[in-house]
């Protein structure tokens, strides 16, 4: 890979991806609305686009790209626009999808959601997708568009909850502070499992995938899983206080799902990428936030 276009890339693990690409000597162009300072100065090229304005994307077709990373697609219409505008201009595209395309369960494998045969349905813009179910449908349809409509190879990376010191959502920080302050938390099922990946690992995995010839859906995440009970006990041990759990649903917490939700990373491991176990990184982040 010598030349990469990143749609997005100015926040969270997108910035980690850019850093990995630059360290490898890749010529990087970031395409965004231009509203956020990416902090890379003259190290990157920049193009101002609006995913809702197809005409603004036409400028991307004036060049050829070894790899395009789509970090900012949140609707099937946006996926179709890129597929058509960049037809015959892309060596391969890596789409940042989500674990939310699955219905839930343990050891979720890539074949449990099939974008090659998923009915795309009506193409809509991101404003039409609200809430968790809207987000799930938008990402499912976007995957389906890329795999069914693009004339270049596509890899869709399905990631679980992303954590890191730079996590703007502050969801992990939320739990740490609730335990520190002895505030109530509602967790409906402590034996449900959940899955994490660090922003550093996500950036490295995306970079690695761009250098591979893999096409299709692929999961990323920790090598193992953790139950909510183990997660809370880990925080309690590090903080030195007991969590205050309640049946009051108004004290709802992030990450809470009414089913187990953890991905299998066996496919990535078979291809040669090795993820850490959750206990290798989560205690360090809890300590950071404490």
C-alpha atoms as a PDB file:
ATOM      1  CA  UNK A   1       0.000   0.000   0.000  1.00  0.00           C
ATOM      2  CA  UNK A   2       1.462   3.310  -1.085  1.00  0.00           C
ATOM      3  CA  UNK A   3      -1.551   5.599  -1.259  1.00  0.00           C
ATOM      4  CA  UNK A   4      -4.577   5.588   1.062  1.00  0.00           C
ATOM      5  CA  UNK A   5      -7.747   7.641   1.253  1.00  0.00           C
ATOM      6  CA  UNK A   6      -9.524   7.789   4.610  1.00  0.00           C
ATOM      7  CA  UNK A   7     -13.134   8.914   4.755  1.00  0.00           C
ATOM      8  CA  UNK A   8     -13.213  10.227   8.305  1.00  0.00           C
ATOM      9  CA  UNK A   9     -10.154   9.551  10.429  1.00  0.00           C
ATOM     10  CA  UNK A  10     -10.111  12.607  12.662  1.00  0.00           C
ATOM     11  CA  UNK A  11     -11.439  10.988  15.837  1.00  0.00           C
ATOM     12  CA  UNK A  12     -10.699   8.067  18.173  1.00  0.00           C
ATOM     13  CA  UNK A  13      -9.355   4.928  16.487  1.00  0.00           C
ATOM     14  CA  UNK A  14      -9.476   6.639  13.081  1.00  0.00           C
ATOM     15  CA  UNK A  15      -6.566   8.769  14.263  1.00  0.00           C
ATOM     16  CA  UNK A  16      -4.733   5.633  15.394  1.00  0.00           C
ATOM     17  CA  UNK A  17      -5.192   4.232  11.884  1.00  0.00           C
ATOM     18  CA  UNK A  18      -3.721   7.388  10.352  1.00  0.00           C
ATOM     19  CA  UNK A  19      -0.717   7.207  12.688  1.00  0.00           C
ATOM     20  CA  UNK A  20      -0.064   3.598  11.670  1.00  0.00           C
ATOM     21  CA  UNK A  21      -0.288   4.459   7.981  1.00  0.00           C
ATOM     22  CA  UNK A  22       2.061   7.440   8.321  1.00  0.00           C
ATOM     23  CA  UNK A  23       4.565   5.374  10.309  1.00  0.00           C
ATOM     24  CA  UNK A  24       4.582   2.896   7.404  1.00  0.00           C
ATOM     25  CA  UNK A  25       5.345   5.661   4.918  1.00  0.00           C
ATOM     26  CA  UNK A  26       1.918   5.658   3.253  1.00  0.00           C
ATOM     27  CA  UNK A  27       0.744   8.771   1.377  1.00  0.00           C
ATOM     28  CA  UNK A  28      -2.449   9.586   3.330  1.00  0.00           C
ATOM     29  CA  UNK A  29      -5.378  11.761   2.286  1.00  0.00           C
ATOM     30  CA  UNK A  30      -8.127  12.491   4.813  1.00  0.00           C
ATOM     31  CA  UNK A  31     -11.582  13.362   3.460  1.00  0.00           C
ATOM     32  CA  UNK A  32     -13.898  14.988   6.013  1.00  0.00           C
ATOM     33  CA  UNK A  33     -16.196  17.965   6.441  1.00  0.00           C
ATOM     34  CA  UNK A  34     -13.155  19.854   7.683  1.00  0.00           C
ATOM     35  CA  UNK A  35     -14.721  20.825  10.996  1.00  0.00           C
ATOM     36  CA  UNK A  36     -12.327  18.962  13.310  1.00  0.00           C
ATOM     37  CA  UNK A  37      -8.603  19.568  13.628  1.00  0.00           C
ATOM     38  CA  UNK A  38      -7.000  16.192  12.960  1.00  0.00           C
ATOM     39  CA  UNK A  39      -3.655  17.232  14.481  1.00  0.00           C
ATOM     40  CA  UNK A  40      -1.532  15.805  11.663  1.00  0.00           C
ATOM     41  CA  UNK A  41      -0.406  19.122  10.201  1.00  0.00           C
ATOM     42  CA  UNK A  42       1.430  18.782   6.910  1.00  0.00           C
ATOM     43  CA  UNK A  43       1.846  15.017   7.277  1.00  0.00           C
ATOM     44  CA  UNK A  44      -1.437  14.353   5.453  1.00  0.00           C
ATOM     45  CA  UNK A  45      -3.364  15.672   2.474  1.00  0.00           C
ATOM     46  CA  UNK A  46      -6.913  16.877   3.035  1.00  0.00           C
ATOM     47  CA  UNK A  47     -10.091  17.027   1.002  1.00  0.00           C
ATOM     48  CA  UNK A  48     -13.326  18.620   2.216  1.00  0.00           C
ATOM     49  CA  UNK A  49     -16.423  16.548   1.500  1.00  0.00           C
ATOM     50  CA  UNK A  50     -20.020  16.208   2.658  1.00  0.00           C
ATOM     51  CA  UNK A  51     -21.334  12.628   2.672  1.00  0.00           C
ATOM     52  CA  UNK A  52     -24.819  14.039   2.074  1.00  0.00           C
ATOM     53  CA  UNK A  53     -23.721  15.896  -1.077  1.00  0.00           C
ATOM     54  CA  UNK A  54     -22.699  13.468  -3.800  1.00  0.00           C
ATOM     55  CA  UNK A  55     -21.252  16.216  -5.991  1.00  0.00           C
ATOM     56  CA  UNK A  56     -18.639  16.934  -3.316  1.00  0.00           C
ATOM     57  CA  UNK A  57     -17.398  13.337  -3.620  1.00  0.00           C
ATOM     58  CA  UNK A  58     -16.583  13.645  -7.313  1.00  0.00           C
ATOM     59  CA  UNK A  59     -13.220  15.244  -6.506  1.00  0.00           C
ATOM     60  CA  UNK A  60     -12.123  11.932  -4.946  1.00  0.00           C
ATOM     61  CA  UNK A  61     -12.334  10.297  -8.389  1.00  0.00           C
ATOM     62  CA  UNK A  62      -9.561  12.466  -9.835  1.00  0.00           C
ATOM     63  CA  UNK A  63      -7.023  10.053  -8.340  1.00  0.00           C
ATOM     64  CA  UNK A  64      -6.516   6.300  -7.960  1.00  0.00           C
ATOM     65  CA  UNK A  65      -6.223   4.816  -4.479  1.00  0.00           C
ATOM     66  CA  UNK A  66      -4.531   1.610  -3.350  1.00  0.00           C
ATOM     67  CA  UNK A  67      -6.828   1.415  -0.318  1.00  0.00           C
ATOM     68  CA  UNK A  68      -9.840   3.430   0.773  1.00  0.00           C
ATOM     69  CA  UNK A  69     -10.834   3.261   4.441  1.00  0.00           C
ATOM     70  CA  UNK A  70     -14.450   4.241   5.012  1.00  0.00           C
ATOM     71  CA  UNK A  71     -14.720   5.313   8.639  1.00  0.00           C
ATOM     72  CA  UNK A  72     -17.689   7.636   8.231  1.00  0.00           C
ATOM     73  CA  UNK A  73     -20.424   5.685   6.421  1.00  0.00           C
ATOM     74  CA  UNK A  74     -23.707   5.609   8.326  1.00  0.00           C
ATOM     75  CA  UNK A  75     -26.239   4.905   5.569  1.00  0.00           C
ATOM     76  CA  UNK A  76     -26.667   2.738   2.468  1.00  0.00           C
ATOM     77  CA  UNK A  77     -26.925   5.838   0.289  1.00  0.00           C
ATOM     78  CA  UNK A  78     -23.443   6.923   1.398  1.00  0.00           C
ATOM     79  CA  UNK A  79     -22.085   3.465   0.564  1.00  0.00           C
ATOM     80  CA  UNK A  80     -23.682   3.560  -2.882  1.00  0.00           C
ATOM     81  CA  UNK A  81     -22.291   7.041  -3.568  1.00  0.00           C
ATOM     82  CA  UNK A  82     -18.729   5.891  -2.834  1.00  0.00           C
ATOM     83  CA  UNK A  83     -19.210   2.649  -4.767  1.00  0.00           C
ATOM     84  CA  UNK A  84     -20.279   4.557  -7.878  1.00  0.00           C
ATOM     85  CA  UNK A  85     -18.027   7.614  -7.620  1.00  0.00           C
ATOM     86  CA  UNK A  86     -14.883   5.533  -7.008  1.00  0.00           C
ATOM     87  CA  UNK A  87     -15.663   2.696  -9.431  1.00  0.00           C
ATOM     88  CA  UNK A  88     -12.420   1.597 -11.133  1.00  0.00           C
ATOM     89  CA  UNK A  89     -10.439   3.977  -8.900  1.00  0.00           C
ATOM     90  CA  UNK A  90      -9.866   1.741  -5.868  1.00  0.00           C
ATOM     91  CA  UNK A  91      -7.620  -1.260  -5.277  1.00  0.00           C
ATOM     92  CA  UNK A  92      -9.716  -2.286  -2.284  1.00  0.00           C
ATOM     93  CA  UNK A  93     -11.951  -0.704   0.352  1.00  0.00           C
ATOM     94  CA  UNK A  94     -12.021  -1.383   4.091  1.00  0.00           C
ATOM     95  CA  UNK A  95     -15.360  -0.441   5.648  1.00  0.00           C
ATOM     96  CA  UNK A  96     -15.583   0.097   9.389  1.00  0.00           C
ATOM     97  CA  UNK A  97     -18.827  -1.663  10.228  1.00  0.00           C
ATOM     98  CA  UNK A  98     -19.960  -2.803  13.670  1.00  0.00           C
ATOM     99  CA  UNK A  99     -20.757  -5.812  15.816  1.00  0.00           C
ATOM    100  CA  UNK A 100     -24.272  -4.369  15.977  1.00  0.00           C
ATOM    101  CA  UNK A 101     -25.078  -6.046  12.640  1.00  0.00           C
ATOM    102  CA  UNK A 102     -25.523  -9.251  14.686  1.00  0.00           C
ATOM    103  CA  UNK A 103     -28.561 -10.067  16.810  1.00  0.00           C
ATOM    104  CA  UNK A 104     -26.415 -11.041  19.784  1.00  0.00           C
ATOM    105  CA  UNK A 105     -25.001 -14.151  21.386  1.00  0.00           C
ATOM    106  CA  UNK A 106     -21.651 -15.707  22.323  1.00  0.00           C
ATOM    107  CA  UNK A 107     -18.859 -16.467  19.875  1.00  0.00           C
ATOM    108  CA  UNK A 108     -20.577 -14.623  17.020  1.00  0.00           C
ATOM    109  CA  UNK A 109     -19.089 -15.611  13.664  1.00  0.00           C
ATOM    110  CA  UNK A 110     -19.089 -13.653  10.437  1.00  0.00           C
ATOM    111  CA  UNK A 111     -21.600 -15.952   8.732  1.00  0.00           C
ATOM    112  CA  UNK A 112     -24.278 -14.978  11.259  1.00  0.00           C
ATOM    113  CA  UNK A 113     -24.990 -11.892   9.178  1.00  0.00           C
ATOM    114  CA  UNK A 114     -24.752 -12.324   5.403  1.00  0.00           C
ATOM    115  CA  UNK A 115     -24.430  -8.968   3.572  1.00  0.00           C
ATOM    116  CA  UNK A 116     -24.145 -10.672   0.180  1.00  0.00           C
ATOM    117  CA  UNK A 117     -27.803 -11.725   0.289  1.00  0.00           C
ATOM    118  CA  UNK A 118     -29.298  -9.167   2.675  1.00  0.00           C
ATOM    119  CA  UNK A 119     -32.087  -7.226   0.995  1.00  0.00           C
ATOM    120  CA  UNK A 120     -30.869  -3.656   0.634  1.00  0.00           C
ATOM    121  CA  UNK A 121     -34.337  -2.140   0.532  1.00  0.00           C
ATOM    122  CA  UNK A 122     -34.948   1.576   0.224  1.00  0.00           C
ATOM    123  CA  UNK A 123     -31.803   3.694   0.142  1.00  0.00           C
ATOM    124  CA  UNK A 124     -31.938   6.385   2.794  1.00  0.00           C
ATOM    125  CA  UNK A 125     -29.592   8.993   4.231  1.00  0.00           C
ATOM    126  CA  UNK A 126     -28.272   8.858   7.793  1.00  0.00           C
ATOM    127  CA  UNK A 127     -30.947  11.206   9.144  1.00  0.00           C
ATOM    128  CA  UNK A 128     -33.540   8.448   8.700  1.00  0.00           C
ATOM    129  CA  UNK A 129     -31.861   5.995  11.094  1.00  0.00           C
ATOM    130  CA  UNK A 130     -32.589   6.589  14.764  1.00  0.00           C
ATOM    131  CA  UNK A 131     -31.657   4.658  17.886  1.00  0.00           C
ATOM    132  CA  UNK A 132     -29.957   1.282  18.244  1.00  0.00           C
ATOM    133  CA  UNK A 133     -32.185  -0.535  15.734  1.00  0.00           C
ATOM    134  CA  UNK A 134     -31.797   2.274  13.220  1.00  0.00           C
ATOM    135  CA  UNK A 135     -28.015   2.118  13.580  1.00  0.00           C
ATOM    136  CA  UNK A 136     -28.074  -1.660  13.097  1.00  0.00           C
ATOM    137  CA  UNK A 137     -30.172  -1.409   9.928  1.00  0.00           C
ATOM    138  CA  UNK A 138     -28.045   1.404   8.498  1.00  0.00           C
ATOM    139  CA  UNK A 139     -24.835  -0.591   8.928  1.00  0.00           C
ATOM    140  CA  UNK A 140     -26.420  -3.782   7.591  1.00  0.00           C
ATOM    141  CA  UNK A 141     -27.681  -2.003   4.494  1.00  0.00           C
ATOM    142  CA  UNK A 142     -24.348  -0.218   3.998  1.00  0.00           C
ATOM    143  CA  UNK A 143     -22.487  -3.550   4.130  1.00  0.00           C
ATOM    144  CA  UNK A 144     -24.979  -5.019   1.665  1.00  0.00           C
ATOM    145  CA  UNK A 145     -24.501  -2.135  -0.757  1.00  0.00           C
ATOM    146  CA  UNK A 146     -20.720  -2.400  -0.668  1.00  0.00           C
ATOM    147  CA  UNK A 147     -20.675  -6.173  -1.161  1.00  0.00           C
ATOM    148  CA  UNK A 148     -23.422  -6.250  -3.771  1.00  0.00           C
ATOM    149  CA  UNK A 149     -22.782  -3.031  -5.716  1.00  0.00           C
ATOM    150  CA  UNK A 150     -19.071  -2.100  -5.558  1.00  0.00           C
ATOM    151  CA  UNK A 151     -16.818  -3.186  -8.430  1.00  0.00           C
ATOM    152  CA  UNK A 152     -13.761  -3.349  -6.165  1.00  0.00           C
ATOM    153  CA  UNK A 153     -12.886  -5.779  -3.327  1.00  0.00           C
ATOM    154  CA  UNK A 154     -14.389  -4.855   0.051  1.00  0.00           C
ATOM    155  CA  UNK A 155     -13.610  -5.911   3.618  1.00  0.00           C
ATOM    156  CA  UNK A 156     -16.113  -5.014   6.363  1.00  0.00           C
ATOM    157  CA  UNK A 157     -14.592  -4.840   9.842  1.00  0.00           C
ATOM    158  CA  UNK A 158     -17.065  -5.596  12.613  1.00  0.00           C
ATOM    159  CA  UNK A 159     -15.849  -4.177  15.909  1.00  0.00           C
ATOM    160  CA  UNK A 160     -17.231  -4.534  19.460  1.00  0.00           C
ATOM    161  CA  UNK A 161     -17.110  -1.779  22.097  1.00  0.00           C
ATOM    162  CA  UNK A 162     -13.964   0.288  21.541  1.00  0.00           C
ATOM    163  CA  UNK A 163     -12.169   1.548  24.659  1.00  0.00           C
ATOM    164  CA  UNK A 164      -9.120   3.679  25.243  1.00  0.00           C
ATOM    165  CA  UNK A 165      -7.723   6.674  27.083  1.00  0.00           C
ATOM    166  CA  UNK A 166      -8.987   8.743  24.148  1.00  0.00           C
ATOM    167  CA  UNK A 167     -12.561   7.379  24.263  1.00  0.00           C
ATOM    168  CA  UNK A 168     -14.798  10.400  23.750  1.00  0.00           C
ATOM    169  CA  UNK A 169     -17.913   8.370  24.690  1.00  0.00           C
ATOM    170  CA  UNK A 170     -16.530   7.937  28.242  1.00  0.00           C
ATOM    171  CA  UNK A 171     -18.537   4.734  28.713  1.00  0.00           C
ATOM    172  CA  UNK A 172     -15.812   2.875  30.596  1.00  0.00           C
ATOM    173  CA  UNK A 173     -15.119   6.003  32.631  1.00  0.00           C
ATOM    174  CA  UNK A 174     -18.831   6.034  33.519  1.00  0.00           C
ATOM    175  CA  UNK A 175     -18.553   2.653  35.301  1.00  0.00           C
ATOM    176  CA  UNK A 176     -15.359   3.578  37.109  1.00  0.00           C
ATOM    177  CA  UNK A 177     -16.880   6.783  38.457  1.00  0.00           C
ATOM    178  CA  UNK A 178     -20.113   5.067  39.481  1.00  0.00           C
ATOM    179  CA  UNK A 179     -18.161   2.584  41.590  1.00  0.00           C
ATOM    180  CA  UNK A 180     -15.880   5.286  43.029  1.00  0.00           C
ATOM    181  CA  UNK A 181     -18.867   7.421  44.000  1.00  0.00           C
ATOM    182  CA  UNK A 182     -21.047   4.528  45.242  1.00  0.00           C
ATOM    183  CA  UNK A 183     -23.790   5.461  42.796  1.00  0.00           C
ATOM    184  CA  UNK A 184     -26.484   3.054  41.642  1.00  0.00           C
ATOM    185  CA  UNK A 185     -26.184   1.108  38.391  1.00  0.00           C
ATOM    186  CA  UNK A 186     -28.773  -1.011  36.632  1.00  0.00           C
ATOM    187  CA  UNK A 187     -27.383  -4.140  34.940  1.00  0.00           C
ATOM    188  CA  UNK A 188     -30.189  -6.565  33.994  1.00  0.00           C
ATOM    189  CA  UNK A 189     -28.111  -9.740  33.629  1.00  0.00           C
ATOM    190  CA  UNK A 190     -24.689 -10.040  35.242  1.00  0.00           C
ATOM    191  CA  UNK A 191     -23.918 -13.309  33.463  1.00  0.00           C
ATOM    192  CA  UNK A 192     -24.226 -11.798  29.992  1.00  0.00           C
ATOM    193  CA  UNK A 193     -20.890 -11.491  28.215  1.00  0.00           C
ATOM    194  CA  UNK A 194     -19.554  -8.445  26.425  1.00  0.00           C
ATOM    195  CA  UNK A 195     -16.610  -7.754  24.169  1.00  0.00           C
ATOM    196  CA  UNK A 196     -14.004  -5.003  23.860  1.00  0.00           C
ATOM    197  CA  UNK A 197     -11.164  -3.801  21.660  1.00  0.00           C
ATOM    198  CA  UNK A 198      -8.798  -0.910  22.365  1.00  0.00           C
ATOM    199  CA  UNK A 199      -8.552   2.069  20.012  1.00  0.00           C
ATOM    200  CA  UNK A 200      -4.855   1.232  19.524  1.00  0.00           C
ATOM    201  CA  UNK A 201      -5.698  -2.339  18.534  1.00  0.00           C
ATOM    202  CA  UNK A 202      -8.501  -1.202  16.224  1.00  0.00           C
ATOM    203  CA  UNK A 203      -6.125   1.148  14.405  1.00  0.00           C
ATOM    204  CA  UNK A 204      -3.499  -1.575  14.047  1.00  0.00           C
ATOM    205  CA  UNK A 205      -6.035  -4.139  12.832  1.00  0.00           C
ATOM    206  CA  UNK A 206      -7.421  -1.783  10.184  1.00  0.00           C
ATOM    207  CA  UNK A 207      -3.906  -0.998   8.982  1.00  0.00           C
ATOM    208  CA  UNK A 208      -3.023  -4.704   8.827  1.00  0.00           C
ATOM    209  CA  UNK A 209      -6.208  -5.497   6.935  1.00  0.00           C
ATOM    210  CA  UNK A 210      -5.459  -2.797   4.358  1.00  0.00           C
ATOM    211  CA  UNK A 211      -2.166  -4.512   3.619  1.00  0.00           C
ATOM    212  CA  UNK A 212      -3.819  -7.912   3.192  1.00  0.00           C
ATOM    213  CA  UNK A 213      -5.801  -9.221   0.242  1.00  0.00           C
ATOM    214  CA  UNK A 214      -8.756 -10.315   2.398  1.00  0.00           C
ATOM    215  CA  UNK A 215     -12.256  -9.481   1.160  1.00  0.00           C
ATOM    216  CA  UNK A 216     -15.487 -10.101   3.056  1.00  0.00           C
ATOM    217  CA  UNK A 217     -16.759  -9.493   6.592  1.00  0.00           C
ATOM    218  CA  UNK A 218     -14.316  -9.972   9.460  1.00  0.00           C
ATOM    219  CA  UNK A 219     -14.554  -9.542  13.230  1.00  0.00           C
ATOM    220  CA  UNK A 220     -12.108  -7.737  15.466  1.00  0.00           C
ATOM    221  CA  UNK A 221     -11.955  -7.756  19.252  1.00  0.00           C
ATOM    222  CA  UNK A 222     -10.380  -9.343  22.280  1.00  0.00           C
ATOM    223  CA  UNK A 223      -9.355 -12.986  22.019  1.00  0.00           C
ATOM    224  CA  UNK A 224     -11.688 -13.800  24.902  1.00  0.00           C
ATOM    225  CA  UNK A 225     -14.852 -12.438  26.483  1.00  0.00           C
ATOM    226  CA  UNK A 226     -15.839 -11.161  29.904  1.00  0.00           C
ATOM    227  CA  UNK A 227     -19.121 -11.304  31.809  1.00  0.00           C
ATOM    228  CA  UNK A 228     -20.663  -8.181  33.311  1.00  0.00           C
ATOM    229  CA  UNK A 229     -20.075  -9.753  36.730  1.00  0.00           C
ATOM    230  CA  UNK A 230     -16.354 -10.177  36.017  1.00  0.00           C
ATOM    231  CA  UNK A 231     -16.227  -6.681  34.534  1.00  0.00           C
ATOM    232  CA  UNK A 232     -17.745  -5.089  37.648  1.00  0.00           C
ATOM    233  CA  UNK A 233     -15.576  -7.203  39.969  1.00  0.00           C
ATOM    234  CA  UNK A 234     -12.479  -6.049  38.083  1.00  0.00           C
ATOM    235  CA  UNK A 235     -13.450  -2.422  38.676  1.00  0.00           C
ATOM    236  CA  UNK A 236     -14.257  -3.115  42.345  1.00  0.00           C
ATOM    237  CA  UNK A 237     -10.864  -4.711  42.911  1.00  0.00           C
ATOM    238  CA  UNK A 238      -8.958  -1.836  41.318  1.00  0.00           C
ATOM    239  CA  UNK A 239     -11.041   0.920  42.957  1.00  0.00           C
ATOM    240  CA  UNK A 240     -11.277  -0.812  46.328  1.00  0.00           C
ATOM    241  CA  UNK A 241     -15.031  -0.282  46.631  1.00  0.00           C
ATOM    242  CA  UNK A 242     -18.155  -2.350  46.031  1.00  0.00           C
ATOM    243  CA  UNK A 243     -20.495  -1.454  43.186  1.00  0.00           C
ATOM    244  CA  UNK A 244     -24.049  -0.445  44.067  1.00  0.00           C
ATOM    245  CA  UNK A 245     -26.370  -2.423  41.816  1.00  0.00           C
ATOM    246  CA  UNK A 246     -30.080  -1.698  41.543  1.00  0.00           C
ATOM    247  CA  UNK A 247     -33.189  -3.012  39.804  1.00  0.00           C
ATOM    248  CA  UNK A 248     -34.213   0.566  39.029  1.00  0.00           C
ATOM    249  CA  UNK A 249     -34.130   0.765  35.234  1.00  0.00           C
ATOM    250  CA  UNK A 250     -33.755   4.538  35.433  1.00  0.00           C
ATOM    251  CA  UNK A 251     -30.167   3.905  36.578  1.00  0.00           C
ATOM    252  CA  UNK A 252     -29.373   2.317  33.191  1.00  0.00           C
ATOM    253  CA  UNK A 253     -25.732   2.058  32.162  1.00  0.00           C
ATOM    254  CA  UNK A 254     -23.748   1.971  28.893  1.00  0.00           C
ATOM    255  CA  UNK A 255     -22.870  -1.381  27.277  1.00  0.00           C
ATOM    256  CA  UNK A 256     -26.037  -2.901  28.762  1.00  0.00           C
ATOM    257  CA  UNK A 257     -27.754  -5.274  26.362  1.00  0.00           C
ATOM    258  CA  UNK A 258     -30.478  -7.789  27.161  1.00  0.00           C
ATOM    259  CA  UNK A 259     -28.457 -10.589  25.592  1.00  0.00           C
ATOM    260  CA  UNK A 260     -24.898 -11.855  25.568  1.00  0.00           C
ATOM    261  CA  UNK A 261     -22.818 -10.105  22.917  1.00  0.00           C
ATOM    262  CA  UNK A 262     -19.301 -11.301  22.068  1.00  0.00           C
ATOM    263  CA  UNK A 263     -17.510 -11.916  18.777  1.00  0.00           C
ATOM    264  CA  UNK A 264     -15.369 -14.789  17.578  1.00  0.00           C
ATOM    265  CA  UNK A 265     -12.047 -13.589  16.121  1.00  0.00           C
ATOM    266  CA  UNK A 266     -11.097 -17.027  14.850  1.00  0.00           C
ATOM    267  CA  UNK A 267     -11.144 -15.916  11.201  1.00  0.00           C
ATOM    268  CA  UNK A 268      -8.687 -13.059  11.813  1.00  0.00           C
ATOM    269  CA  UNK A 269      -6.482 -15.354  13.894  1.00  0.00           C
ATOM    270  CA  UNK A 270      -6.426 -17.911  11.076  1.00  0.00           C
ATOM    271  CA  UNK A 271      -5.316 -15.159   8.693  1.00  0.00           C
ATOM    272  CA  UNK A 272      -2.391 -14.346  10.988  1.00  0.00           C
ATOM    273  CA  UNK A 273      -3.603 -11.451  13.134  1.00  0.00           C
ATOM    274  CA  UNK A 274      -3.438 -12.059  16.883  1.00  0.00           C
ATOM    275  CA  UNK A 275      -5.528 -10.116  19.382  1.00  0.00           C
ATOM    276  CA  UNK A 276      -4.775  -9.724  23.104  1.00  0.00           C
ATOM    277  CA  UNK A 277      -6.997 -11.089  25.849  1.00  0.00           C
ATOM    278  CA  UNK A 278      -9.329  -8.620  27.530  1.00  0.00           C
ATOM    279  CA  UNK A 279      -7.487  -8.934  30.867  1.00  0.00           C
ATOM    280  CA  UNK A 280      -4.295  -7.745  29.192  1.00  0.00           C
ATOM    281  CA  UNK A 281      -5.688  -4.262  28.566  1.00  0.00           C
ATOM    282  CA  UNK A 282      -8.882  -3.618  30.527  1.00  0.00           C
ATOM    283  CA  UNK A 283      -7.338  -3.369  34.043  1.00  0.00           C
ATOM    284  CA  UNK A 284      -4.851  -0.781  32.749  1.00  0.00           C
ATOM    285  CA  UNK A 285      -7.657   1.368  31.366  1.00  0.00           C
ATOM    286  CA  UNK A 286      -9.713   1.044  34.553  1.00  0.00           C
ATOM    287  CA  UNK A 287      -6.657   2.156  36.542  1.00  0.00           C
ATOM    288  CA  UNK A 288      -6.203   5.091  34.157  1.00  0.00           C
ATOM    289  CA  UNK A 289      -9.767   6.272  34.686  1.00  0.00           C
ATOM    290  CA  UNK A 290      -9.597   5.725  38.433  1.00  0.00           C
END
